[in-house]
Amino acid sequence: MTTTKGLFEVDSVVAIYDRHDEAERAIRTLQASGIDMRTLSVAARDPEMTEHVTGYYTAGDRMLHWGKLGAFWGALWGILFDSALFAIPGIGPVLLAGPLVAWIVAILEGAVVVGGLSALGAGLVSIGIPRQSVIEYETALRTNKFLLIVHGTRREVTKAKEIIGKTQPQFHTLHSERVFAN
């Protein structure tokens, strides 16, 4: 984050992919391009959970998943940090990987309520993503799309946006917000 006279910038790029293989290819491209994997998060709804039981469990510090997208999540959890499964009202079961997990947990532990937003939405707003965009991203999850989020310095995020643009997402945009530090 860039700090200047009590002001810092919160930068994120968010991309929406239709299919898991597209999202995975984008993540691999970002990794190969030197993007720090600690700045990257992925979120996707798990429609299988409503159809039949799949397996989830933790092994040490990794969560494992059986089912149609098990290989996808297994690969991501091997390169991204943190993983979680949340049941989000109005969206359903959502699997997450990356720092977005910590942002949501912080919201839940702090019992912070952000007027009408889900925990996922509140987590996104907490990193400077506008409320209207959050609603669009939650809608994308409801329709089984994959969200890819890179959060970091202006330079990192701008580089990530250029790389993501070449991976042909359904949609991608940069969010930047100036915040006054106390």
N, C-alpha and C. Protein backbone atom coordinates (compact mmCIF):
# COMPACT_ATOMS: atom_id res chain seq x y z
N MET A 1 0.84 -1.17 0.00
CA MET A 1 0.00 0.00 0.00
C MET A 1 0.89 1.23 0.00
N THR A 2 0.48 2.22 -0.72
CA THR A 2 1.24 3.46 -0.82
C THR A 2 0.76 4.41 0.26
N THR A 3 1.68 4.92 1.08
CA THR A 3 1.31 5.84 2.15
C THR A 3 1.84 7.22 1.84
N THR A 4 1.00 8.24 1.96
CA THR A 4 1.38 9.62 1.73
C THR A 4 0.58 10.52 2.66
N LYS A 5 1.27 11.18 3.63
CA LYS A 5 0.63 12.16 4.52
C LYS A 5 -0.69 11.67 5.10
N GLY A 6 -0.67 10.51 5.76
CA GLY A 6 -1.86 10.01 6.40
C GLY A 6 -2.88 9.40 5.45
N LEU A 7 -2.49 9.22 4.21
CA LEU A 7 -3.40 8.70 3.20
C LEU A 7 -2.76 7.46 2.59
N PHE A 8 -3.53 6.38 2.43
CA PHE A 8 -2.98 5.23 1.72
C PHE A 8 -4.00 4.73 0.73
N GLU A 9 -3.48 4.03 -0.29
CA GLU A 9 -4.34 3.52 -1.35
C GLU A 9 -4.57 2.04 -1.15
N VAL A 10 -5.80 1.62 -1.31
CA VAL A 10 -6.20 0.22 -1.24
C VAL A 10 -6.51 -0.20 -2.67
N ASP A 11 -5.72 -1.12 -3.19
CA ASP A 11 -5.87 -1.51 -4.59
C ASP A 11 -6.18 -2.99 -4.72
N SER A 12 -7.13 -3.31 -5.58
CA SER A 12 -7.49 -4.69 -5.87
C SER A 12 -7.92 -4.79 -7.32
N VAL A 13 -7.66 -5.93 -7.92
CA VAL A 13 -8.23 -6.23 -9.22
C VAL A 13 -9.08 -7.48 -9.02
N VAL A 14 -10.28 -7.44 -9.57
CA VAL A 14 -11.21 -8.57 -9.46
C VAL A 14 -11.55 -9.03 -10.87
N ALA A 15 -11.48 -10.35 -11.07
CA ALA A 15 -11.84 -10.93 -12.36
C ALA A 15 -12.88 -12.02 -12.13
N ILE A 16 -13.75 -12.17 -13.11
CA ILE A 16 -14.78 -13.21 -13.07
C ILE A 16 -14.51 -14.17 -14.23
N TYR A 17 -14.49 -15.46 -13.91
CA TYR A 17 -14.31 -16.50 -14.92
C TYR A 17 -15.53 -17.41 -14.92
N ASP A 18 -15.88 -17.88 -16.10
CA ASP A 18 -17.03 -18.78 -16.24
C ASP A 18 -16.73 -20.19 -15.74
N ARG A 19 -15.49 -20.65 -15.94
CA ARG A 19 -15.16 -22.04 -15.64
C ARG A 19 -13.92 -22.13 -14.76
N HIS A 20 -13.81 -23.21 -14.00
CA HIS A 20 -12.68 -23.40 -13.11
C HIS A 20 -11.35 -23.52 -13.86
N ASP A 21 -11.35 -24.13 -15.04
CA ASP A 21 -10.09 -24.27 -15.77
C ASP A 21 -9.58 -22.90 -16.24
N GLU A 22 -10.48 -21.98 -16.55
CA GLU A 22 -10.07 -20.62 -16.94
C GLU A 22 -9.44 -19.90 -15.74
N ALA A 23 -10.08 -20.03 -14.58
CA ALA A 23 -9.55 -19.39 -13.37
C ALA A 23 -8.19 -20.00 -13.01
N GLU A 24 -8.08 -21.31 -13.09
CA GLU A 24 -6.82 -21.97 -12.76
C GLU A 24 -5.70 -21.55 -13.71
N ARG A 25 -6.02 -21.45 -14.99
CA ARG A 25 -5.02 -21.00 -15.98
C ARG A 25 -4.56 -19.58 -15.66
N ALA A 26 -5.48 -18.72 -15.26
CA ALA A 26 -5.13 -17.34 -14.90
C ALA A 26 -4.21 -17.33 -13.67
N ILE A 27 -4.52 -18.15 -12.69
CA ILE A 27 -3.70 -18.22 -11.48
C ILE A 27 -2.29 -18.70 -11.82
N ARG A 28 -2.20 -19.73 -12.64
CA ARG A 28 -0.88 -20.25 -13.05
C ARG A 28 -0.11 -19.19 -13.84
N THR A 29 -0.80 -18.42 -14.68
CA THR A 29 -0.15 -17.36 -15.44
C THR A 29 0.36 -16.26 -14.51
N LEU A 30 -0.45 -15.89 -13.53
CA LEU A 30 -0.03 -14.89 -12.54
C LEU A 30 1.19 -15.38 -11.77
N GLN A 31 1.16 -16.64 -11.36
CA GLN A 31 2.28 -17.22 -10.61
C GLN A 31 3.56 -17.21 -11.46
N ALA A 32 3.45 -17.64 -12.71
CA ALA A 32 4.60 -17.68 -13.61
C ALA A 32 5.15 -16.28 -13.90
N SER A 33 4.29 -15.27 -13.76
CA SER A 33 4.69 -13.88 -14.03
C SER A 33 5.27 -13.20 -12.79
N GLY A 34 5.37 -13.93 -11.70
CA GLY A 34 5.98 -13.38 -10.50
C GLY A 34 5.04 -12.69 -9.54
N ILE A 35 3.74 -12.81 -9.74
CA ILE A 35 2.79 -12.21 -8.79
C ILE A 35 2.85 -13.02 -7.49
N ASP A 36 2.94 -12.33 -6.38
CA ASP A 36 3.02 -12.97 -5.06
C ASP A 36 1.70 -13.68 -4.78
N MET A 37 1.74 -14.98 -4.62
CA MET A 37 0.53 -15.77 -4.39
C MET A 37 -0.16 -15.42 -3.07
N ARG A 38 0.55 -14.75 -2.16
CA ARG A 38 -0.07 -14.32 -0.90
C ARG A 38 -1.05 -13.17 -1.10
N THR A 39 -1.04 -12.56 -2.29
CA THR A 39 -1.94 -11.44 -2.57
C THR A 39 -3.19 -11.88 -3.33
N LEU A 40 -3.29 -13.17 -3.62
CA LEU A 40 -4.33 -13.68 -4.49
C LEU A 40 -5.38 -14.48 -3.72
N SER A 41 -6.65 -14.25 -4.04
CA SER A 41 -7.76 -15.00 -3.46
C SER A 41 -8.66 -15.52 -4.56
N VAL A 42 -9.33 -16.64 -4.28
CA VAL A 42 -10.30 -17.23 -5.20
C VAL A 42 -11.54 -17.57 -4.40
N ALA A 43 -12.70 -17.32 -4.98
CA ALA A 43 -13.98 -17.68 -4.36
C ALA A 43 -14.87 -18.31 -5.42
N ALA A 44 -15.55 -19.38 -5.03
CA ALA A 44 -16.49 -20.03 -5.94
C ALA A 44 -17.54 -20.77 -5.12
N ARG A 45 -18.72 -20.76 -5.63
CA ARG A 45 -19.82 -21.48 -5.02
C ARG A 45 -19.64 -22.96 -5.31
N ASP A 46 -20.07 -23.81 -4.38
CA ASP A 46 -19.98 -25.25 -4.60
C ASP A 46 -21.39 -25.81 -4.79
N PRO A 47 -21.85 -25.90 -6.04
CA PRO A 47 -23.22 -26.36 -6.28
C PRO A 47 -23.42 -27.83 -5.92
N GLU A 48 -22.35 -28.62 -5.85
CA GLU A 48 -22.47 -30.03 -5.49
C GLU A 48 -23.00 -30.24 -4.09
N MET A 49 -22.70 -29.31 -3.20
CA MET A 49 -23.12 -29.50 -1.81
C MET A 49 -24.63 -29.56 -1.67
N THR A 50 -25.35 -28.95 -2.57
CA THR A 50 -26.81 -28.99 -2.48
C THR A 50 -27.36 -30.22 -3.18
N GLU A 51 -26.54 -30.85 -4.02
CA GLU A 51 -27.01 -32.01 -4.78
C GLU A 51 -26.72 -33.32 -4.06
N HIS A 52 -25.50 -33.49 -3.60
CA HIS A 52 -25.14 -34.68 -2.85
C HIS A 52 -23.90 -34.39 -2.01
N VAL A 53 -23.65 -35.26 -1.07
CA VAL A 53 -22.55 -35.04 -0.14
C VAL A 53 -21.22 -35.23 -0.85
N THR A 54 -20.34 -34.28 -0.62
CA THR A 54 -18.96 -34.41 -1.05
C THR A 54 -18.12 -34.36 0.21
N GLY A 55 -16.87 -34.64 0.12
CA GLY A 55 -16.03 -34.67 1.31
C GLY A 55 -15.16 -33.45 1.44
N TYR A 56 -15.08 -32.92 2.64
CA TYR A 56 -14.19 -31.83 3.00
C TYR A 56 -13.53 -32.22 4.30
N TYR A 57 -12.26 -32.04 4.41
CA TYR A 57 -11.61 -32.24 5.70
C TYR A 57 -10.29 -31.50 5.69
N THR A 58 -9.74 -31.31 6.88
CA THR A 58 -8.45 -30.65 6.96
C THR A 58 -7.40 -31.69 7.29
N ALA A 59 -6.23 -31.50 6.74
CA ALA A 59 -5.10 -32.36 7.02
C ALA A 59 -3.93 -31.43 7.31
N GLY A 60 -3.62 -31.30 8.61
CA GLY A 60 -2.60 -30.31 8.98
C GLY A 60 -3.14 -28.93 8.70
N ASP A 61 -2.48 -28.21 7.83
CA ASP A 61 -2.93 -26.85 7.52
C ASP A 61 -3.62 -26.77 6.18
N ARG A 62 -4.02 -27.91 5.61
CA ARG A 62 -4.68 -27.90 4.30
C ARG A 62 -6.08 -28.48 4.39
N MET A 63 -6.99 -27.89 3.67
CA MET A 63 -8.34 -28.42 3.56
C MET A 63 -8.38 -29.22 2.27
N LEU A 64 -9.01 -30.38 2.31
CA LEU A 64 -9.11 -31.21 1.12
C LEU A 64 -10.57 -31.33 0.71
N HIS A 65 -10.81 -31.58 -0.57
CA HIS A 65 -12.16 -31.59 -1.12
C HIS A 65 -12.29 -32.74 -2.10
N TRP A 66 -13.35 -33.50 -1.94
CA TRP A 66 -13.67 -34.51 -2.94
C TRP A 66 -14.86 -34.01 -3.73
N GLY A 67 -14.98 -34.45 -4.91
CA GLY A 67 -16.10 -34.03 -5.75
C GLY A 67 -15.57 -33.60 -7.11
N LYS A 68 -16.48 -33.07 -7.90
CA LYS A 68 -16.17 -32.70 -9.28
C LYS A 68 -15.00 -31.71 -9.39
N LEU A 69 -14.91 -30.77 -8.47
CA LEU A 69 -13.85 -29.76 -8.54
C LEU A 69 -12.72 -30.01 -7.55
N GLY A 70 -12.61 -31.24 -7.05
CA GLY A 70 -11.58 -31.57 -6.07
C GLY A 70 -10.17 -31.29 -6.56
N ALA A 71 -9.87 -31.65 -7.79
CA ALA A 71 -8.53 -31.43 -8.34
C ALA A 71 -8.24 -29.93 -8.46
N PHE A 72 -9.24 -29.15 -8.87
CA PHE A 72 -9.08 -27.70 -8.98
C PHE A 72 -8.72 -27.10 -7.62
N TRP A 73 -9.54 -27.39 -6.60
CA TRP A 73 -9.30 -26.83 -5.28
C TRP A 73 -8.01 -27.36 -4.68
N GLY A 74 -7.73 -28.64 -4.88
CA GLY A 74 -6.49 -29.21 -4.35
C GLY A 74 -5.27 -28.50 -4.90
N ALA A 75 -5.29 -28.20 -6.19
CA ALA A 75 -4.17 -27.48 -6.81
C ALA A 75 -4.05 -26.07 -6.24
N LEU A 76 -5.18 -25.39 -6.08
CA LEU A 76 -5.14 -24.02 -5.55
C LEU A 76 -4.68 -23.99 -4.11
N TRP A 77 -5.18 -24.91 -3.30
CA TRP A 77 -4.81 -24.91 -1.89
C TRP A 77 -3.34 -25.25 -1.71
N GLY A 78 -2.71 -25.82 -2.75
CA GLY A 78 -1.29 -26.09 -2.70
C GLY A 78 -0.45 -24.85 -2.95
N ILE A 79 -0.99 -23.84 -3.65
CA ILE A 79 -0.20 -22.64 -3.96
C ILE A 79 -0.72 -21.38 -3.29
N LEU A 80 -1.98 -21.39 -2.84
CA LEU A 80 -2.54 -20.22 -2.16
C LEU A 80 -2.57 -20.46 -0.65
N PHE A 81 -2.63 -19.39 0.09
CA PHE A 81 -2.61 -19.47 1.54
C PHE A 81 -4.02 -19.36 2.09
N ASP A 82 -4.32 -20.12 3.12
CA ASP A 82 -5.62 -20.15 3.79
C ASP A 82 -6.70 -20.74 2.89
N SER A 83 -7.60 -21.45 3.49
CA SER A 83 -8.75 -22.00 2.77
C SER A 83 -9.90 -22.11 3.74
N ALA A 84 -11.12 -22.06 3.21
CA ALA A 84 -12.30 -22.14 4.06
C ALA A 84 -13.52 -22.49 3.23
N LEU A 85 -14.52 -22.95 3.93
CA LEU A 85 -15.84 -23.18 3.35
C LEU A 85 -16.81 -22.40 4.21
N PHE A 86 -17.57 -21.51 3.60
CA PHE A 86 -18.58 -20.73 4.30
C PHE A 86 -19.94 -21.00 3.66
N ALA A 87 -20.96 -21.12 4.48
CA ALA A 87 -22.33 -21.17 3.98
C ALA A 87 -22.85 -19.73 4.06
N ILE A 88 -23.03 -19.11 2.92
CA ILE A 88 -23.41 -17.69 2.88
C ILE A 88 -24.87 -17.60 2.45
N PRO A 89 -25.72 -17.05 3.33
CA PRO A 89 -27.14 -16.93 2.99
C PRO A 89 -27.34 -16.20 1.66
N GLY A 90 -28.20 -16.76 0.84
CA GLY A 90 -28.50 -16.16 -0.46
C GLY A 90 -27.56 -16.60 -1.56
N ILE A 91 -26.41 -17.16 -1.18
CA ILE A 91 -25.44 -17.63 -2.18
C ILE A 91 -25.28 -19.14 -2.07
N GLY A 92 -25.15 -19.62 -0.85
CA GLY A 92 -24.95 -21.05 -0.61
C GLY A 92 -23.54 -21.33 -0.17
N PRO A 93 -23.10 -22.58 -0.30
CA PRO A 93 -21.75 -22.94 0.12
C PRO A 93 -20.71 -22.32 -0.82
N VAL A 94 -19.75 -21.60 -0.23
CA VAL A 94 -18.71 -20.94 -1.01
C VAL A 94 -17.35 -21.40 -0.50
N LEU A 95 -16.54 -21.91 -1.40
CA LEU A 95 -15.17 -22.29 -1.08
C LEU A 95 -14.28 -21.09 -1.38
N LEU A 96 -13.30 -20.87 -0.49
CA LEU A 96 -12.42 -19.72 -0.63
C LEU A 96 -10.98 -20.14 -0.41
N ALA A 97 -10.07 -19.45 -1.04
CA ALA A 97 -8.65 -19.63 -0.81
C ALA A 97 -7.98 -18.27 -0.90
N GLY A 98 -6.99 -18.03 -0.04
CA GLY A 98 -6.24 -16.79 -0.07
C GLY A 98 -6.61 -15.86 1.07
N PRO A 99 -6.09 -14.63 1.05
CA PRO A 99 -6.31 -13.70 2.15
C PRO A 99 -7.77 -13.30 2.35
N LEU A 100 -8.62 -13.52 1.37
CA LEU A 100 -10.05 -13.23 1.55
C LEU A 100 -10.60 -14.00 2.76
N VAL A 101 -10.06 -15.18 3.03
CA VAL A 101 -10.48 -15.97 4.19
C VAL A 101 -10.26 -15.16 5.47
N ALA A 102 -9.07 -14.61 5.63
CA ALA A 102 -8.75 -13.83 6.84
C ALA A 102 -9.61 -12.58 6.94
N TRP A 103 -9.90 -11.93 5.80
CA TRP A 103 -10.73 -10.73 5.83
C TRP A 103 -12.13 -11.06 6.33
N ILE A 104 -12.67 -12.18 5.86
CA ILE A 104 -14.01 -12.58 6.30
C ILE A 104 -14.01 -12.99 7.76
N VAL A 105 -13.01 -13.75 8.18
CA VAL A 105 -12.92 -14.18 9.58
C VAL A 105 -12.82 -12.95 10.48
N ALA A 106 -12.03 -11.95 10.09
CA ALA A 106 -11.91 -10.74 10.89
C ALA A 106 -13.26 -10.04 11.02
N ILE A 107 -14.02 -10.01 9.94
CA ILE A 107 -15.36 -9.40 9.97
C ILE A 107 -16.25 -10.18 10.94
N LEU A 108 -16.22 -11.51 10.84
CA LEU A 108 -17.07 -12.35 11.68
C LEU A 108 -16.66 -12.26 13.15
N GLU A 109 -15.35 -12.29 13.43
CA GLU A 109 -14.89 -12.22 14.81
C GLU A 109 -15.17 -10.86 15.43
N GLY A 110 -15.10 -9.82 14.62
CA GLY A 110 -15.35 -8.48 15.13
C GLY A 110 -16.82 -8.14 15.18
N ALA A 111 -17.66 -9.06 14.72
CA ALA A 111 -19.11 -8.85 14.68
C ALA A 111 -19.45 -7.54 13.99
N VAL A 112 -18.68 -7.19 12.98
CA VAL A 112 -18.92 -5.97 12.22
C VAL A 112 -20.08 -6.23 11.27
N VAL A 113 -21.05 -5.35 11.31
CA VAL A 113 -22.17 -5.47 10.39
C VAL A 113 -22.07 -4.36 9.37
N VAL A 114 -22.07 -4.74 8.12
CA VAL A 114 -22.00 -3.75 7.05
C VAL A 114 -23.33 -3.81 6.33
N GLY A 115 -24.26 -2.98 6.76
CA GLY A 115 -25.61 -2.87 6.27
C GLY A 115 -26.06 -3.76 5.14
N GLY A 116 -26.59 -4.92 5.45
CA GLY A 116 -27.22 -5.78 4.48
C GLY A 116 -26.27 -6.63 3.64
N LEU A 117 -24.98 -6.54 3.88
CA LEU A 117 -24.03 -7.34 3.11
C LEU A 117 -23.76 -8.67 3.82
N SER A 118 -23.44 -9.67 3.04
CA SER A 118 -23.01 -10.94 3.59
C SER A 118 -21.61 -10.77 4.18
N ALA A 119 -21.11 -11.80 4.88
CA ALA A 119 -19.75 -11.76 5.40
C ALA A 119 -18.75 -11.61 4.25
N LEU A 120 -19.03 -12.28 3.14
CA LEU A 120 -18.17 -12.15 1.96
C LEU A 120 -18.18 -10.70 1.47
N GLY A 121 -19.36 -10.13 1.34
CA GLY A 121 -19.48 -8.74 0.89
C GLY A 121 -18.78 -7.78 1.82
N ALA A 122 -18.93 -7.99 3.13
CA ALA A 122 -18.28 -7.12 4.11
C ALA A 122 -16.76 -7.25 4.00
N GLY A 123 -16.28 -8.47 3.76
CA GLY A 123 -14.84 -8.68 3.58
C GLY A 123 -14.32 -7.92 2.37
N LEU A 124 -15.07 -7.95 1.29
CA LEU A 124 -14.67 -7.23 0.08
C LEU A 124 -14.72 -5.71 0.28
N VAL A 125 -15.76 -5.23 0.94
CA VAL A 125 -15.86 -3.79 1.21
C VAL A 125 -14.69 -3.35 2.09
N SER A 126 -14.26 -4.21 3.02
CA SER A 126 -13.18 -3.86 3.93
C SER A 126 -11.85 -3.63 3.21
N ILE A 127 -11.71 -4.11 1.98
CA ILE A 127 -10.47 -3.87 1.23
C ILE A 127 -10.69 -2.84 0.12
N GLY A 128 -11.78 -2.10 0.21
CA GLY A 128 -11.98 -0.98 -0.71
C GLY A 128 -12.80 -1.26 -1.95
N ILE A 129 -13.45 -2.40 -2.01
CA ILE A 129 -14.29 -2.70 -3.17
C ILE A 129 -15.66 -2.07 -2.93
N PRO A 130 -16.14 -1.27 -3.86
CA PRO A 130 -17.42 -0.58 -3.68
C PRO A 130 -18.60 -1.54 -3.53
N ARG A 131 -19.56 -1.13 -2.74
CA ARG A 131 -20.75 -1.93 -2.44
C ARG A 131 -21.46 -2.42 -3.71
N GLN A 132 -21.62 -1.56 -4.71
CA GLN A 132 -22.30 -1.96 -5.95
C GLN A 132 -21.54 -3.09 -6.65
N SER A 133 -20.22 -3.00 -6.64
CA SER A 133 -19.40 -4.07 -7.24
C SER A 133 -19.54 -5.36 -6.45
N VAL A 134 -19.60 -5.26 -5.13
CA VAL A 134 -19.77 -6.44 -4.28
C VAL A 134 -21.05 -7.17 -4.65
N ILE A 135 -22.11 -6.43 -4.88
CA ILE A 135 -23.39 -7.04 -5.27
C ILE A 135 -23.23 -7.79 -6.59
N GLU A 136 -22.50 -7.21 -7.53
CA GLU A 136 -22.24 -7.88 -8.81
C GLU A 136 -21.43 -9.15 -8.61
N TYR A 137 -20.44 -9.11 -7.72
CA TYR A 137 -19.59 -10.28 -7.49
C TYR A 137 -20.37 -11.39 -6.78
N GLU A 138 -21.23 -11.02 -5.85
CA GLU A 138 -22.06 -12.03 -5.20
C GLU A 138 -23.02 -12.67 -6.20
N THR A 139 -23.54 -11.87 -7.12
CA THR A 139 -24.41 -12.40 -8.18
C THR A 139 -23.63 -13.38 -9.06
N ALA A 140 -22.41 -13.04 -9.37
CA ALA A 140 -21.57 -13.94 -10.17
C ALA A 140 -21.38 -15.28 -9.45
N LEU A 141 -21.16 -15.23 -8.15
CA LEU A 141 -21.01 -16.48 -7.38
C LEU A 141 -22.30 -17.30 -7.41
N ARG A 142 -23.44 -16.61 -7.25
CA ARG A 142 -24.73 -17.32 -7.29
C ARG A 142 -24.92 -18.09 -8.60
N THR A 143 -24.32 -17.60 -9.67
CA THR A 143 -24.48 -18.25 -10.98
C THR A 143 -23.26 -19.12 -11.32
N ASN A 144 -22.57 -19.56 -10.27
CA ASN A 144 -21.46 -20.53 -10.38
C ASN A 144 -20.24 -20.02 -11.15
N LYS A 145 -19.99 -18.73 -11.07
CA LYS A 145 -18.78 -18.16 -11.65
C LYS A 145 -17.65 -18.24 -10.62
N PHE A 146 -16.45 -17.96 -11.05
CA PHE A 146 -15.26 -18.00 -10.19
C PHE A 146 -14.69 -16.60 -10.08
N LEU A 147 -14.48 -16.13 -8.85
CA LEU A 147 -13.89 -14.82 -8.61
C LEU A 147 -12.41 -14.98 -8.32
N LEU A 148 -11.61 -14.16 -8.94
CA LEU A 148 -10.18 -14.10 -8.69
C LEU A 148 -9.88 -12.68 -8.25
N ILE A 149 -9.23 -12.54 -7.10
CA ILE A 149 -8.95 -11.22 -6.54
C ILE A 149 -7.46 -11.13 -6.23
N VAL A 150 -6.83 -10.05 -6.70
CA VAL A 150 -5.45 -9.76 -6.34
C VAL A 150 -5.48 -8.43 -5.60
N HIS A 151 -4.90 -8.41 -4.41
CA HIS A 151 -4.92 -7.23 -3.55
C HIS A 151 -3.49 -6.90 -3.16
N GLY A 152 -3.06 -5.69 -3.41
CA GLY A 152 -1.70 -5.31 -3.06
C GLY A 152 -1.41 -3.87 -3.39
N THR A 153 -0.14 -3.60 -3.64
CA THR A 153 0.26 -2.24 -3.97
C THR A 153 -0.26 -1.89 -5.35
N ARG A 154 -0.30 -0.62 -5.65
CA ARG A 154 -0.75 -0.14 -6.95
C ARG A 154 0.05 -0.83 -8.07
N ARG A 155 1.34 -0.91 -7.89
CA ARG A 155 2.21 -1.51 -8.92
C ARG A 155 1.88 -2.99 -9.12
N GLU A 156 1.75 -3.75 -8.01
CA GLU A 156 1.43 -5.18 -8.10
C GLU A 156 0.08 -5.41 -8.78
N VAL A 157 -0.89 -4.63 -8.36
CA VAL A 157 -2.24 -4.81 -8.87
C VAL A 157 -2.35 -4.40 -10.34
N THR A 158 -1.66 -3.34 -10.72
CA THR A 158 -1.66 -2.93 -12.13
C THR A 158 -1.04 -4.01 -13.00
N LYS A 159 0.07 -4.59 -12.54
CA LYS A 159 0.71 -5.68 -13.27
C LYS A 159 -0.24 -6.88 -13.37
N ALA A 160 -0.88 -7.22 -12.25
CA ALA A 160 -1.81 -8.35 -12.24
C ALA A 160 -2.98 -8.10 -13.19
N LYS A 161 -3.50 -6.87 -13.24
CA LYS A 161 -4.61 -6.55 -14.13
C LYS A 161 -4.22 -6.76 -15.59
N GLU A 162 -3.01 -6.34 -15.96
CA GLU A 162 -2.54 -6.53 -17.33
C GLU A 162 -2.45 -8.02 -17.67
N ILE A 163 -1.93 -8.81 -16.76
CA ILE A 163 -1.80 -10.25 -16.97
C ILE A 163 -3.18 -10.90 -17.07
N ILE A 164 -4.06 -10.54 -16.14
CA ILE A 164 -5.41 -11.11 -16.12
C ILE A 164 -6.14 -10.78 -17.42
N GLY A 165 -5.97 -9.57 -17.92
CA GLY A 165 -6.63 -9.16 -19.16
C GLY A 165 -6.29 -10.08 -20.33
N LYS A 166 -5.10 -10.65 -20.31
CA LYS A 166 -4.67 -11.56 -21.39
C LYS A 166 -5.22 -12.97 -21.22
N THR A 167 -5.83 -13.27 -20.06
CA THR A 167 -6.36 -14.62 -19.80
C THR A 167 -7.83 -14.74 -20.17
N GLN A 168 -8.39 -13.71 -20.74
CA GLN A 168 -9.77 -13.68 -21.23
C GLN A 168 -10.83 -13.98 -20.17
N PRO A 169 -10.84 -13.19 -19.09
CA PRO A 169 -11.91 -13.36 -18.12
C PRO A 169 -13.22 -12.84 -18.70
N GLN A 170 -14.32 -13.24 -18.11
CA GLN A 170 -15.61 -12.70 -18.52
C GLN A 170 -15.63 -11.20 -18.24
N PHE A 171 -14.98 -10.82 -17.13
CA PHE A 171 -14.97 -9.42 -16.67
C PHE A 171 -13.77 -9.25 -15.75
N HIS A 172 -13.15 -8.07 -15.78
CA HIS A 172 -12.14 -7.73 -14.78
C HIS A 172 -12.06 -6.22 -14.64
N THR A 173 -11.74 -5.77 -13.43
CA THR A 173 -11.65 -4.34 -13.18
C THR A 173 -10.71 -4.07 -12.00
N LEU A 174 -10.20 -2.87 -11.97
CA LEU A 174 -9.33 -2.41 -10.90
C LEU A 174 -10.16 -1.57 -9.94
N HIS A 175 -9.99 -1.81 -8.66
CA HIS A 175 -10.63 -1.00 -7.63
C HIS A 175 -9.53 -0.32 -6.84
N SER A 176 -9.65 0.98 -6.67
CA SER A 176 -8.67 1.73 -5.91
C SER A 176 -9.42 2.71 -5.02
N GLU A 177 -9.00 2.75 -3.78
CA GLU A 177 -9.66 3.66 -2.84
C GLU A 177 -8.59 4.33 -1.99
N ARG A 178 -8.74 5.60 -1.79
CA ARG A 178 -7.83 6.33 -0.89
C ARG A 178 -8.48 6.37 0.49
N VAL A 179 -7.71 5.98 1.48
CA VAL A 179 -8.20 5.90 2.84
C VAL A 179 -7.29 6.74 3.73
N PHE A 180 -7.88 7.52 4.63
CA PHE A 180 -7.10 8.31 5.57
C PHE A 180 -6.72 7.43 6.74
N ALA A 181 -5.43 7.41 7.05
CA ALA A 181 -4.92 6.64 8.19
C ALA A 181 -5.00 7.51 9.44
N ASN A 182 -5.28 6.91 10.55
CA ASN A 182 -5.34 7.66 11.82
C ASN A 182 -3.96 7.85 12.40
